[in-house]
């Protein structure tokens, strides 16, 4: 599901908050994404291997989860995707890619 730029949509339910590594992992799994998919969506530098490593480190609590990562992942959970991003994970759940 993609929303028009500049359109604010306030969720009816309470917003999800990503605060810990397990929260991040749960969010990624809810999206049906691999660590590489999440790294690509976040546009983490260093290519797929480095991006995957960073995501796994955040999930394991070995790397801090920054504010921008938190906001981005919460946005993904509410249906926003970066322009041109298509997860490679088969059957990405809850995401309309049209």
Protein backbone atom coordinates (compact mmCIF):
# COMPACT_ATOMS: atom_id res chain seq x y z
CA UNK A 1 0.00 0.00 0.00
CA UNK A 2 1.46 3.35 -0.97
CA UNK A 3 0.16 6.73 0.10
CA UNK A 4 0.41 9.97 -1.83
CA UNK A 5 3.34 12.16 -0.75
CA UNK A 6 2.40 14.71 1.84
CA UNK A 7 -0.78 12.90 2.89
CA UNK A 8 -0.88 12.37 6.63
CA UNK A 9 -2.80 9.33 7.82
CA UNK A 10 -3.24 8.95 11.57
CA UNK A 11 -3.69 5.32 12.58
CA UNK A 12 -6.82 4.55 14.55
CA UNK A 13 -4.96 2.07 16.76
CA UNK A 14 -2.13 3.12 19.06
CA UNK A 15 1.12 3.57 17.17
CA UNK A 16 3.68 0.78 17.39
CA UNK A 17 6.98 1.76 18.93
CA UNK A 18 10.21 0.01 18.04
CA UNK A 19 12.42 0.27 21.14
CA UNK A 20 14.39 -2.98 21.35
CA UNK A 21 16.06 -5.54 19.12
CA UNK A 22 13.24 -8.05 19.63
CA UNK A 23 10.72 -5.34 18.65
CA UNK A 24 12.69 -4.72 15.44
CA UNK A 25 12.88 -8.43 14.64
CA UNK A 26 9.16 -8.88 15.31
CA UNK A 27 8.36 -5.94 13.02
CA UNK A 28 10.60 -7.29 10.25
CA UNK A 29 9.03 -10.73 10.52
CA UNK A 30 5.53 -9.22 10.52
CA UNK A 31 6.42 -7.59 7.20
CA UNK A 32 7.59 -10.96 5.88
CA UNK A 33 11.03 -9.51 5.15
CA UNK A 34 14.55 -10.87 5.47
CA UNK A 35 17.26 -8.84 7.20
CA UNK A 36 18.54 -7.96 3.69
CA UNK A 37 15.08 -6.70 2.67
CA UNK A 38 14.94 -4.45 5.73
CA UNK A 39 18.47 -3.18 5.12
CA UNK A 40 17.55 -2.31 1.53
CA UNK A 41 14.32 -0.58 2.59
CA UNK A 42 16.31 1.45 5.14
CA UNK A 43 18.96 2.13 2.48
CA UNK A 44 21.75 1.12 4.84
CA UNK A 45 25.19 1.76 3.38
CA UNK A 46 27.71 -0.95 2.59
CA UNK A 47 25.78 -3.33 0.35
CA UNK A 48 23.65 -6.33 1.20
CA UNK A 49 26.15 -8.13 3.44
CA UNK A 50 26.95 -5.08 5.55
CA UNK A 51 23.29 -4.05 5.70
CA UNK A 52 22.20 -7.51 6.80
CA UNK A 53 24.93 -7.50 9.46
CA UNK A 54 23.73 -4.13 10.79
CA UNK A 55 20.10 -5.27 10.96
CA UNK A 56 21.05 -8.48 12.78
CA UNK A 57 23.23 -6.49 15.20
CA UNK A 58 20.31 -4.16 15.97
CA UNK A 59 18.00 -7.13 16.48
CA UNK A 60 20.53 -8.77 18.82
CA UNK A 61 20.98 -5.57 20.86
CA UNK A 62 24.62 -5.18 19.75
CA UNK A 63 23.90 -1.94 17.89
CA UNK A 64 21.64 0.93 18.90
CA UNK A 65 18.44 1.44 16.93
CA UNK A 66 18.47 5.05 15.78
CA UNK A 67 15.47 7.34 15.76
CA UNK A 68 15.31 7.41 11.96
CA UNK A 69 15.36 3.59 11.79
CA UNK A 70 12.56 3.45 14.36
CA UNK A 71 10.44 5.95 12.44
CA UNK A 72 11.07 4.20 9.12
CA UNK A 73 10.18 0.73 10.42
CA UNK A 74 7.05 2.04 12.11
CA UNK A 75 6.09 3.66 8.79
CA UNK A 76 6.66 0.38 6.94
CA UNK A 77 4.31 -1.34 9.39
CA UNK A 78 1.64 1.24 8.57
CA UNK A 79 1.98 0.63 4.83
CA UNK A 80 4.52 3.18 3.65
CA UNK A 81 7.35 1.94 1.41
CA UNK A 82 10.34 3.77 -0.07
CA UNK A 83 9.95 4.65 -3.75
CA UNK A 84 11.12 1.80 -5.94
CA UNK A 85 11.50 -0.69 -3.07
CA UNK A 86 10.25 -4.24 -3.58
CA UNK A 87 11.16 -6.85 -0.97
CA UNK A 88 12.77 -9.97 -2.35
CA UNK A 89 11.34 -12.18 0.40
CA UNK A 90 8.72 -14.46 -1.10
CA UNK A 91 5.20 -13.59 -0.03
CA UNK A 92 5.96 -10.38 1.86
CA UNK A 93 3.04 -10.14 4.25
CA UNK A 94 0.77 -7.16 4.50
CA UNK A 95 2.39 -5.14 1.74
CA UNK A 96 0.60 -4.19 -1.46
CA UNK A 97 3.34 -3.59 -4.01
CA UNK A 98 1.15 -2.27 -6.80
